[in-house]
N, C-alpha and C. Protein backbone atom coordinates (compact mmCIF):
# COMPACT_ATOMS: atom_id res chain seq x y z
N UNK A 1 113.87 98.52 133.64
CA UNK A 1 112.62 98.73 132.95
C UNK A 1 111.93 97.40 132.72
N UNK A 2 110.65 97.42 132.77
CA UNK A 2 109.88 96.22 132.49
C UNK A 2 109.92 95.93 130.99
N UNK A 3 109.73 94.68 130.65
CA UNK A 3 109.72 94.29 129.25
C UNK A 3 108.31 93.92 128.82
N UNK A 4 108.04 94.13 127.56
CA UNK A 4 106.76 93.73 126.99
C UNK A 4 106.91 92.32 126.44
N UNK A 5 107.41 91.39 127.27
CA UNK A 5 107.59 90.04 126.79
C UNK A 5 106.62 89.06 127.43
N UNK A 6 105.78 89.53 128.26
CA UNK A 6 104.71 88.73 128.84
C UNK A 6 103.43 89.53 128.80
N UNK A 7 102.31 88.93 128.41
CA UNK A 7 101.06 89.69 128.30
C UNK A 7 100.68 90.47 129.55
N UNK A 8 100.94 89.92 130.73
CA UNK A 8 100.53 90.65 131.93
C UNK A 8 101.39 91.88 132.20
N UNK A 9 102.56 91.95 131.56
CA UNK A 9 103.43 93.11 131.75
C UNK A 9 102.99 94.32 130.94
N UNK A 10 102.24 94.10 129.88
CA UNK A 10 101.89 95.18 128.98
C UNK A 10 100.45 95.61 129.19
N UNK A 11 100.30 96.87 129.54
CA UNK A 11 98.96 97.43 129.68
C UNK A 11 98.95 98.75 128.95
N UNK A 12 97.78 99.21 128.52
CA UNK A 12 97.72 100.52 127.88
C UNK A 12 98.26 101.63 128.77
N UNK A 13 97.97 101.55 130.06
CA UNK A 13 98.43 102.59 130.99
C UNK A 13 99.95 102.61 131.08
N UNK A 14 100.55 101.41 131.16
CA UNK A 14 102.01 101.33 131.25
C UNK A 14 102.65 101.84 129.97
N UNK A 15 102.14 101.40 128.82
CA UNK A 15 102.71 101.85 127.55
C UNK A 15 102.53 103.35 127.38
N UNK A 16 101.37 103.86 127.75
CA UNK A 16 101.11 105.30 127.67
C UNK A 16 102.12 106.07 128.51
N UNK A 17 102.35 105.62 129.73
CA UNK A 17 103.29 106.30 130.62
C UNK A 17 104.70 106.30 130.04
N UNK A 18 105.13 105.16 129.53
CA UNK A 18 106.48 105.03 128.98
C UNK A 18 106.65 105.93 127.76
N UNK A 19 105.69 105.86 126.83
CA UNK A 19 105.80 106.62 125.59
C UNK A 19 105.64 108.12 125.81
N UNK A 20 104.71 108.51 126.66
CA UNK A 20 104.53 109.95 126.89
C UNK A 20 105.75 110.55 127.60
N UNK A 21 106.34 109.80 128.53
CA UNK A 21 107.55 110.29 129.19
C UNK A 21 108.71 110.40 128.19
N UNK A 22 108.89 109.36 127.36
CA UNK A 22 109.93 109.40 126.33
C UNK A 22 109.73 110.60 125.40
N UNK A 23 108.49 110.80 124.96
CA UNK A 23 108.18 111.88 124.03
C UNK A 23 108.41 113.25 124.68
N UNK A 24 107.97 113.43 125.92
CA UNK A 24 108.14 114.73 126.58
C UNK A 24 109.61 115.06 126.81
N UNK A 25 110.44 114.07 127.07
CA UNK A 25 111.87 114.30 127.25
C UNK A 25 112.55 114.77 125.98
N UNK A 26 111.99 114.44 124.83
CA UNK A 26 112.58 114.85 123.54
C UNK A 26 112.40 116.35 123.29
N UNK A 27 111.38 116.94 123.89
CA UNK A 27 111.10 118.37 123.72
C UNK A 27 111.10 118.77 122.24
N UNK A 28 110.37 118.02 121.49
CA UNK A 28 110.32 118.21 120.06
C UNK A 28 109.21 119.16 119.64
N UNK A 29 109.36 119.72 118.47
CA UNK A 29 108.30 120.54 117.90
C UNK A 29 107.95 119.95 116.54
N UNK A 30 106.74 120.19 116.11
CA UNK A 30 106.32 119.70 114.81
C UNK A 30 105.91 118.25 114.77
N UNK A 31 105.77 117.63 115.93
CA UNK A 31 105.31 116.24 116.01
C UNK A 31 104.17 116.20 117.03
N UNK A 32 103.07 115.60 116.63
CA UNK A 32 101.92 115.43 117.54
C UNK A 32 101.92 114.01 118.11
N UNK A 33 101.70 113.91 119.39
CA UNK A 33 101.56 112.63 120.10
C UNK A 33 100.06 112.37 120.19
N UNK A 34 99.55 111.42 119.41
CA UNK A 34 98.12 111.17 119.33
C UNK A 34 97.81 109.77 119.83
N UNK A 35 96.97 109.71 120.85
CA UNK A 35 96.59 108.42 121.43
C UNK A 35 95.21 108.00 120.95
N UNK A 36 95.04 106.70 120.84
CA UNK A 36 93.74 106.12 120.53
C UNK A 36 93.51 104.98 121.51
N UNK A 37 92.61 105.21 122.46
CA UNK A 37 92.34 104.20 123.48
C UNK A 37 91.24 103.23 123.06
N UNK A 38 90.61 103.49 121.91
CA UNK A 38 89.59 102.58 121.40
C UNK A 38 89.75 102.40 119.89
N UNK A 39 90.90 101.83 119.47
CA UNK A 39 91.11 101.66 118.03
C UNK A 39 90.13 100.66 117.44
N UNK A 40 89.79 100.86 116.17
CA UNK A 40 88.87 99.95 115.49
C UNK A 40 89.58 98.63 115.22
N UNK A 41 88.85 97.56 115.37
CA UNK A 41 89.40 96.24 115.09
C UNK A 41 89.24 95.92 113.61
N UNK A 42 90.25 95.27 113.06
CA UNK A 42 90.20 94.81 111.68
C UNK A 42 89.72 93.37 111.71
N UNK A 43 88.55 93.07 111.14
CA UNK A 43 88.01 91.71 111.21
C UNK A 43 88.87 90.69 110.46
N UNK A 44 89.79 91.15 109.61
CA UNK A 44 90.63 90.24 108.84
C UNK A 44 91.95 89.91 109.54
N UNK A 45 92.20 90.53 110.67
CA UNK A 45 93.44 90.27 111.41
C UNK A 45 93.18 89.25 112.52
N UNK A 46 94.23 88.56 112.93
CA UNK A 46 94.10 87.57 114.00
C UNK A 46 94.49 88.14 115.36
N UNK A 47 94.49 89.46 115.48
CA UNK A 47 94.79 90.12 116.74
C UNK A 47 93.87 91.32 116.89
N UNK A 48 93.76 91.80 118.14
CA UNK A 48 92.95 92.98 118.43
C UNK A 48 93.84 94.04 119.05
N UNK A 49 93.80 95.24 118.47
CA UNK A 49 94.59 96.35 118.99
C UNK A 49 93.84 96.97 120.16
N UNK A 50 94.51 97.07 121.28
CA UNK A 50 93.93 97.59 122.51
C UNK A 50 94.22 99.08 122.68
N UNK A 51 95.38 99.51 122.19
CA UNK A 51 95.83 100.89 122.39
C UNK A 51 96.78 101.23 121.25
N UNK A 52 96.68 102.45 120.74
CA UNK A 52 97.55 102.88 119.65
C UNK A 52 98.05 104.30 119.90
N UNK A 53 99.29 104.54 119.52
CA UNK A 53 99.89 105.87 119.62
C UNK A 53 100.48 106.21 118.26
N UNK A 54 100.21 107.43 117.80
CA UNK A 54 100.80 107.93 116.56
C UNK A 54 101.70 109.11 116.88
N UNK A 55 102.84 109.13 116.22
CA UNK A 55 103.74 110.28 116.27
C UNK A 55 103.64 110.89 114.88
N UNK A 56 102.84 111.95 114.77
CA UNK A 56 102.51 112.53 113.47
C UNK A 56 103.21 113.87 113.27
N UNK A 57 104.09 113.91 112.27
CA UNK A 57 104.82 115.15 112.00
C UNK A 57 104.00 116.12 111.14
N UNK A 58 104.33 117.39 111.28
CA UNK A 58 103.71 118.43 110.46
C UNK A 58 104.34 118.48 109.08
N UNK A 59 105.50 117.86 108.91
CA UNK A 59 106.27 117.92 107.67
C UNK A 59 106.52 116.53 107.12
N UNK A 60 106.56 116.41 105.79
CA UNK A 60 106.92 115.15 105.15
C UNK A 60 108.40 114.82 105.36
N UNK A 61 109.16 115.79 105.79
CA UNK A 61 110.60 115.60 105.98
C UNK A 61 110.93 114.88 107.29
N UNK A 62 109.94 114.73 108.15
CA UNK A 62 110.13 114.01 109.41
C UNK A 62 109.32 112.72 109.37
N UNK A 63 109.89 111.65 109.89
CA UNK A 63 109.23 110.34 109.84
C UNK A 63 108.06 110.26 110.81
N UNK A 64 107.00 109.61 110.36
CA UNK A 64 105.88 109.34 111.26
C UNK A 64 105.96 107.87 111.68
N UNK A 65 105.44 107.61 112.85
CA UNK A 65 105.45 106.24 113.37
C UNK A 65 104.18 105.98 114.17
N UNK A 66 103.78 104.72 114.19
CA UNK A 66 102.67 104.28 115.03
C UNK A 66 103.12 103.08 115.84
N UNK A 67 102.61 103.00 117.06
CA UNK A 67 102.86 101.87 117.95
C UNK A 67 101.50 101.35 118.39
N UNK A 68 101.31 100.04 118.25
CA UNK A 68 100.06 99.41 118.67
C UNK A 68 100.35 98.39 119.75
N UNK A 69 99.48 98.32 120.72
CA UNK A 69 99.52 97.28 121.74
C UNK A 69 98.32 96.39 121.55
N UNK A 70 98.54 95.08 121.45
CA UNK A 70 97.43 94.15 121.28
C UNK A 70 96.96 93.60 122.62
N UNK A 71 95.83 92.95 122.61
CA UNK A 71 95.29 92.35 123.83
C UNK A 71 96.21 91.25 124.37
N UNK A 72 97.06 90.69 123.52
CA UNK A 72 98.01 89.65 123.95
C UNK A 72 99.30 90.25 124.52
N UNK A 73 99.40 91.59 124.54
CA UNK A 73 100.61 92.24 125.05
C UNK A 73 101.70 92.37 124.02
N UNK A 74 101.37 92.17 122.76
CA UNK A 74 102.36 92.30 121.69
C UNK A 74 102.35 93.73 121.15
N UNK A 75 103.48 94.11 120.55
CA UNK A 75 103.65 95.46 120.00
C UNK A 75 103.81 95.36 118.48
N UNK A 76 103.10 96.22 117.76
CA UNK A 76 103.27 96.36 116.31
C UNK A 76 103.81 97.76 116.04
N UNK A 77 104.59 97.87 114.99
CA UNK A 77 105.18 99.16 114.61
C UNK A 77 104.79 99.45 113.16
N UNK A 78 104.40 100.68 112.92
CA UNK A 78 104.18 101.17 111.57
C UNK A 78 105.08 102.37 111.34
N UNK A 79 105.83 102.34 110.26
CA UNK A 79 106.76 103.43 109.94
C UNK A 79 106.35 104.06 108.63
N UNK A 80 106.03 105.32 108.66
CA UNK A 80 105.66 106.10 107.49
C UNK A 80 104.48 105.48 106.74
N UNK A 81 103.61 106.30 106.28
CA UNK A 81 102.49 105.87 105.44
C UNK A 81 102.94 105.90 103.99
N UNK A 82 102.48 104.94 103.22
CA UNK A 82 102.81 104.90 101.80
C UNK A 82 102.35 106.19 101.10
N UNK A 83 101.21 106.72 101.53
CA UNK A 83 100.68 107.95 100.91
C UNK A 83 101.64 109.12 101.11
N UNK A 84 102.28 109.20 102.27
CA UNK A 84 103.24 110.27 102.54
C UNK A 84 104.50 110.10 101.68
N UNK A 85 104.94 108.85 101.51
CA UNK A 85 106.11 108.59 100.68
C UNK A 85 105.80 108.98 99.23
N UNK A 86 104.63 108.56 98.73
CA UNK A 86 104.24 108.90 97.36
C UNK A 86 104.14 110.41 97.18
N UNK A 87 103.59 111.08 98.16
CA UNK A 87 103.48 112.55 98.09
C UNK A 87 104.86 113.18 98.04
N UNK A 88 105.76 112.68 98.84
CA UNK A 88 107.12 113.23 98.87
C UNK A 88 107.85 112.98 97.54
N UNK A 89 107.57 111.84 96.90
CA UNK A 89 108.21 111.50 95.64
C UNK A 89 107.46 112.04 94.42
N UNK A 90 106.28 112.62 94.67
CA UNK A 90 105.44 113.15 93.59
C UNK A 90 105.03 112.06 92.61
N UNK A 91 104.60 110.91 93.17
CA UNK A 91 104.12 109.80 92.35
C UNK A 91 102.77 109.33 92.88
N UNK A 92 102.10 108.49 92.11
CA UNK A 92 100.82 107.92 92.53
C UNK A 92 101.04 106.86 93.60
N UNK A 93 100.03 106.67 94.42
CA UNK A 93 100.04 105.61 95.42
C UNK A 93 98.75 104.81 95.22
N UNK A 94 98.87 103.53 94.99
CA UNK A 94 97.69 102.71 94.74
C UNK A 94 97.36 101.76 95.89
N UNK A 95 98.16 101.81 96.94
CA UNK A 95 97.92 100.95 98.11
C UNK A 95 98.05 101.76 99.38
N UNK A 96 97.15 101.54 100.29
CA UNK A 96 97.24 102.20 101.59
C UNK A 96 98.15 101.39 102.51
N UNK A 97 98.43 101.92 103.65
CA UNK A 97 99.20 101.19 104.64
C UNK A 97 100.54 101.85 104.92
N UNK A 98 101.34 101.13 105.67
CA UNK A 98 102.65 101.63 106.07
C UNK A 98 103.70 101.29 105.03
N UNK A 99 104.71 102.13 104.97
CA UNK A 99 105.84 101.87 104.08
C UNK A 99 106.70 100.74 104.65
N UNK A 100 106.72 100.61 105.96
CA UNK A 100 107.49 99.56 106.63
C UNK A 100 106.92 99.37 108.03
N UNK A 101 107.32 98.31 108.67
CA UNK A 101 106.87 98.04 110.03
C UNK A 101 106.82 96.56 110.29
N UNK A 102 106.27 96.22 111.44
CA UNK A 102 106.13 94.79 111.73
C UNK A 102 104.82 94.50 112.44
N UNK A 103 104.36 93.28 112.23
CA UNK A 103 103.15 92.78 112.86
C UNK A 103 103.41 92.64 114.36
N UNK A 104 102.36 92.45 115.15
CA UNK A 104 102.55 92.32 116.60
C UNK A 104 103.51 91.20 116.98
N UNK A 105 104.43 91.54 117.86
CA UNK A 105 105.38 90.58 118.42
C UNK A 105 105.78 91.08 119.80
N UNK A 106 106.40 90.21 120.56
CA UNK A 106 106.86 90.62 121.87
C UNK A 106 108.12 91.47 121.71
N UNK A 107 108.08 92.67 122.26
CA UNK A 107 109.17 93.64 122.14
C UNK A 107 109.49 94.14 123.54
N UNK A 108 110.77 94.20 123.88
CA UNK A 108 111.13 94.74 125.19
C UNK A 108 110.90 96.25 125.20
N UNK A 109 110.68 96.77 126.37
CA UNK A 109 110.48 98.21 126.52
C UNK A 109 111.73 98.96 126.05
N UNK A 110 112.91 98.47 126.44
CA UNK A 110 114.16 99.11 126.01
C UNK A 110 114.30 99.06 124.50
N UNK A 111 113.94 97.93 123.91
CA UNK A 111 114.01 97.80 122.45
C UNK A 111 113.06 98.74 121.75
N UNK A 112 111.84 98.87 122.26
CA UNK A 112 110.86 99.79 121.67
C UNK A 112 111.35 101.23 121.73
N UNK A 113 111.85 101.64 122.88
CA UNK A 113 112.33 103.02 123.02
C UNK A 113 113.57 103.26 122.16
N UNK A 114 114.42 102.25 122.02
CA UNK A 114 115.59 102.39 121.15
C UNK A 114 115.15 102.57 119.70
N UNK A 115 114.17 101.79 119.26
CA UNK A 115 113.67 101.92 117.90
C UNK A 115 113.04 103.30 117.67
N UNK A 116 112.21 103.75 118.59
CA UNK A 116 111.59 105.07 118.44
C UNK A 116 112.64 106.18 118.43
N UNK A 117 113.69 106.03 119.21
CA UNK A 117 114.77 107.02 119.22
C UNK A 117 115.48 107.05 117.88
N UNK A 118 115.72 105.89 117.30
CA UNK A 118 116.36 105.81 115.97
C UNK A 118 115.49 106.54 114.94
N UNK A 119 114.17 106.30 115.00
CA UNK A 119 113.24 106.96 114.07
C UNK A 119 113.26 108.47 114.31
N UNK A 120 113.13 108.87 115.57
CA UNK A 120 113.08 110.30 115.91
C UNK A 120 114.38 111.02 115.59
N UNK A 121 115.50 110.32 115.67
CA UNK A 121 116.80 110.93 115.38
C UNK A 121 117.10 110.98 113.88
N UNK A 122 116.21 110.44 113.06
CA UNK A 122 116.41 110.46 111.61
C UNK A 122 117.47 109.47 111.15
N UNK A 123 117.67 108.40 111.90
CA UNK A 123 118.70 107.42 111.55
C UNK A 123 118.12 106.22 110.81
N UNK A 124 117.02 106.46 110.13
CA UNK A 124 116.36 105.42 109.35
C UNK A 124 115.92 106.06 108.04
N UNK A 125 115.92 105.30 106.99
CA UNK A 125 115.48 105.84 105.71
C UNK A 125 114.50 104.87 105.06
N UNK A 126 113.83 105.34 104.04
CA UNK A 126 112.92 104.50 103.26
C UNK A 126 113.46 104.40 101.86
N UNK A 127 113.64 103.17 101.42
CA UNK A 127 114.02 102.92 100.03
C UNK A 127 112.73 102.61 99.30
N UNK A 128 112.47 103.34 98.23
CA UNK A 128 111.22 103.18 97.50
C UNK A 128 111.48 102.89 96.04
N UNK A 129 110.72 101.95 95.49
CA UNK A 129 110.77 101.65 94.07
C UNK A 129 109.51 102.21 93.43
N UNK A 130 109.68 102.89 92.33
CA UNK A 130 108.55 103.45 91.60
C UNK A 130 108.56 102.92 90.18
N UNK A 131 107.37 102.69 89.64
CA UNK A 131 107.22 102.22 88.27
C UNK A 131 106.52 103.29 87.44
N UNK A 132 106.93 103.44 86.19
CA UNK A 132 106.25 104.41 85.32
C UNK A 132 104.75 104.08 85.27
N UNK A 133 103.96 105.06 85.23
CA UNK A 133 102.49 105.00 85.18
C UNK A 133 101.91 104.49 86.50
N UNK A 134 102.45 103.42 87.06
CA UNK A 134 101.91 102.82 88.29
C UNK A 134 102.16 103.71 89.50
N UNK A 135 103.39 104.19 89.66
CA UNK A 135 103.74 105.00 90.82
C UNK A 135 104.51 104.20 91.85
N UNK A 136 104.20 104.44 93.11
CA UNK A 136 104.93 103.80 94.21
C UNK A 136 104.65 102.30 94.21
N UNK A 137 105.72 101.51 94.15
CA UNK A 137 105.57 100.06 94.12
C UNK A 137 105.99 99.46 95.46
N UNK A 138 107.26 99.35 95.68
CA UNK A 138 107.78 98.67 96.87
C UNK A 138 108.51 99.65 97.77
N UNK A 139 108.35 99.47 99.07
CA UNK A 139 109.07 100.29 100.04
C UNK A 139 109.69 99.39 101.11
N UNK A 140 110.79 99.83 101.63
CA UNK A 140 111.40 99.10 102.75
C UNK A 140 112.22 100.09 103.58
N UNK A 141 112.34 99.80 104.84
CA UNK A 141 113.11 100.65 105.75
C UNK A 141 114.56 100.18 105.75
N UNK A 142 115.47 101.16 105.83
CA UNK A 142 116.90 100.87 105.79
C UNK A 142 117.57 101.56 106.97
N UNK A 143 118.47 100.81 107.61
CA UNK A 143 119.28 101.34 108.71
C UNK A 143 120.73 100.97 108.46
N UNK A 144 121.62 101.66 109.14
CA UNK A 144 123.05 101.33 109.04
C UNK A 144 123.36 100.15 109.94
N UNK A 145 124.50 99.51 109.70
CA UNK A 145 124.90 98.39 110.56
C UNK A 145 125.15 98.88 111.98
N UNK A 146 125.63 100.11 112.12
CA UNK A 146 125.85 100.69 113.45
C UNK A 146 124.52 100.81 114.21
N UNK A 147 123.48 101.25 113.53
CA UNK A 147 122.16 101.38 114.15
C UNK A 147 121.60 100.00 114.48
N UNK A 148 121.80 99.04 113.61
CA UNK A 148 121.34 97.68 113.86
C UNK A 148 121.99 97.12 115.13
N UNK A 149 123.29 97.37 115.28
CA UNK A 149 124.01 96.91 116.47
C UNK A 149 123.49 97.62 117.73
N UNK A 150 123.19 98.91 117.60
CA UNK A 150 122.65 99.66 118.75
C UNK A 150 121.29 99.10 119.16
N UNK A 151 120.46 98.76 118.18
CA UNK A 151 119.16 98.18 118.50
C UNK A 151 119.33 96.80 119.14
N UNK A 152 120.24 96.01 118.61
CA UNK A 152 120.49 94.67 119.16
C UNK A 152 120.97 94.76 120.61
N UNK A 153 121.76 95.78 120.91
CA UNK A 153 122.25 95.95 122.28
C UNK A 153 121.12 96.27 123.25
N UNK A 154 119.98 96.72 122.72
CA UNK A 154 118.81 97.03 123.54
C UNK A 154 117.75 95.93 123.41
N UNK A 155 118.19 94.75 122.94
CA UNK A 155 117.32 93.58 122.85
C UNK A 155 116.23 93.74 121.80
N UNK A 156 116.56 94.43 120.70
CA UNK A 156 115.60 94.57 119.60
C UNK A 156 116.27 94.06 118.33
N UNK A 157 115.75 92.96 117.81
CA UNK A 157 116.28 92.37 116.59
C UNK A 157 115.60 93.02 115.39
N UNK A 158 116.30 93.93 114.76
CA UNK A 158 115.73 94.71 113.67
C UNK A 158 115.90 94.05 112.31
N UNK A 159 116.79 93.09 112.21
CA UNK A 159 117.15 92.58 110.89
C UNK A 159 116.03 91.80 110.20
N UNK A 160 114.99 91.43 110.90
CA UNK A 160 113.91 90.69 110.24
C UNK A 160 112.93 91.60 109.52
N UNK A 161 112.98 92.91 109.74
CA UNK A 161 112.12 93.81 108.97
C UNK A 161 112.82 95.07 108.49
N UNK A 162 114.00 95.34 109.00
CA UNK A 162 114.78 96.51 108.57
C UNK A 162 115.99 96.02 107.76
N UNK A 163 116.17 96.58 106.58
CA UNK A 163 117.32 96.22 105.78
C UNK A 163 118.55 96.95 106.34
N UNK A 164 119.62 96.20 106.53
CA UNK A 164 120.85 96.77 107.06
C UNK A 164 121.80 97.03 105.89
N UNK A 165 122.27 98.28 105.79
CA UNK A 165 123.18 98.67 104.72
C UNK A 165 124.40 99.34 105.33
N UNK A 166 125.52 99.25 104.64
CA UNK A 166 126.74 99.91 105.14
C UNK A 166 126.64 101.42 105.01
N UNK A 167 125.85 101.86 104.03
CA UNK A 167 125.64 103.30 103.83
C UNK A 167 124.29 103.49 103.15
N UNK A 168 123.66 104.62 103.38
CA UNK A 168 122.41 104.91 102.71
C UNK A 168 122.69 105.19 101.23
N UNK A 169 121.79 104.76 100.39
CA UNK A 169 121.87 105.03 98.96
C UNK A 169 121.39 106.45 98.72
N UNK A 170 121.96 107.16 97.76
CA UNK A 170 121.53 108.54 97.51
C UNK A 170 120.03 108.68 97.23
N UNK A 171 119.41 107.65 96.69
CA UNK A 171 117.97 107.73 96.38
C UNK A 171 117.08 107.40 97.59
N UNK A 172 117.66 106.91 98.68
CA UNK A 172 116.87 106.62 99.87
C UNK A 172 116.30 107.92 100.43
N UNK A 173 115.07 107.85 100.89
CA UNK A 173 114.45 109.02 101.50
C UNK A 173 114.92 109.12 102.95
N UNK A 174 115.63 110.17 103.24
CA UNK A 174 116.13 110.42 104.59
C UNK A 174 115.15 111.31 105.33
N UNK A 175 115.21 111.29 106.64
CA UNK A 175 114.29 112.08 107.46
C UNK A 175 115.08 112.99 108.40
N UNK A 176 114.50 114.16 108.64
CA UNK A 176 115.08 115.08 109.60
C UNK A 176 114.72 114.63 111.01
N UNK A 177 115.58 114.88 111.97
CA UNK A 177 115.26 114.53 113.36
C UNK A 177 114.05 115.32 113.86
N UNK A 178 113.35 114.75 114.81
CA UNK A 178 112.23 115.43 115.44
C UNK A 178 112.77 116.42 116.44
């Protein structure tokens, strides 16, 4: 498989083909594959998103994810929206955005597919801190050490944005597989 480690290797067409094939092989229900070939640029960011894909579940019990491809050939990941986490916890949300994810970086194709498989298989959780009156405060994604090793074997270093734990905490929000 080609890697997204050089700008000329990553194109919207290539990423679309890889992701749509991966998604169709899963034969999942309750998840929409939504493409955006003309995403809006954020004037406050130092990158431009060329192509975006959302995996949007019909249920709060399944994790949502977004993948962005920048003009430089870098990949960004967004995992779960804070608003969905707050809704699931029945608390207020005062900030928009993702509960976890990473800014654009060079990601191998194998690493990207391994990460999406971990998300789709429900092998990731969200640890959320809530404050009285305020509501949802801090969120972070948590994976097991076994999952971290599996991602590393596919050339994806997850430890810089995913917390590695020996076991999920009972209060962590778990997700059903797609």
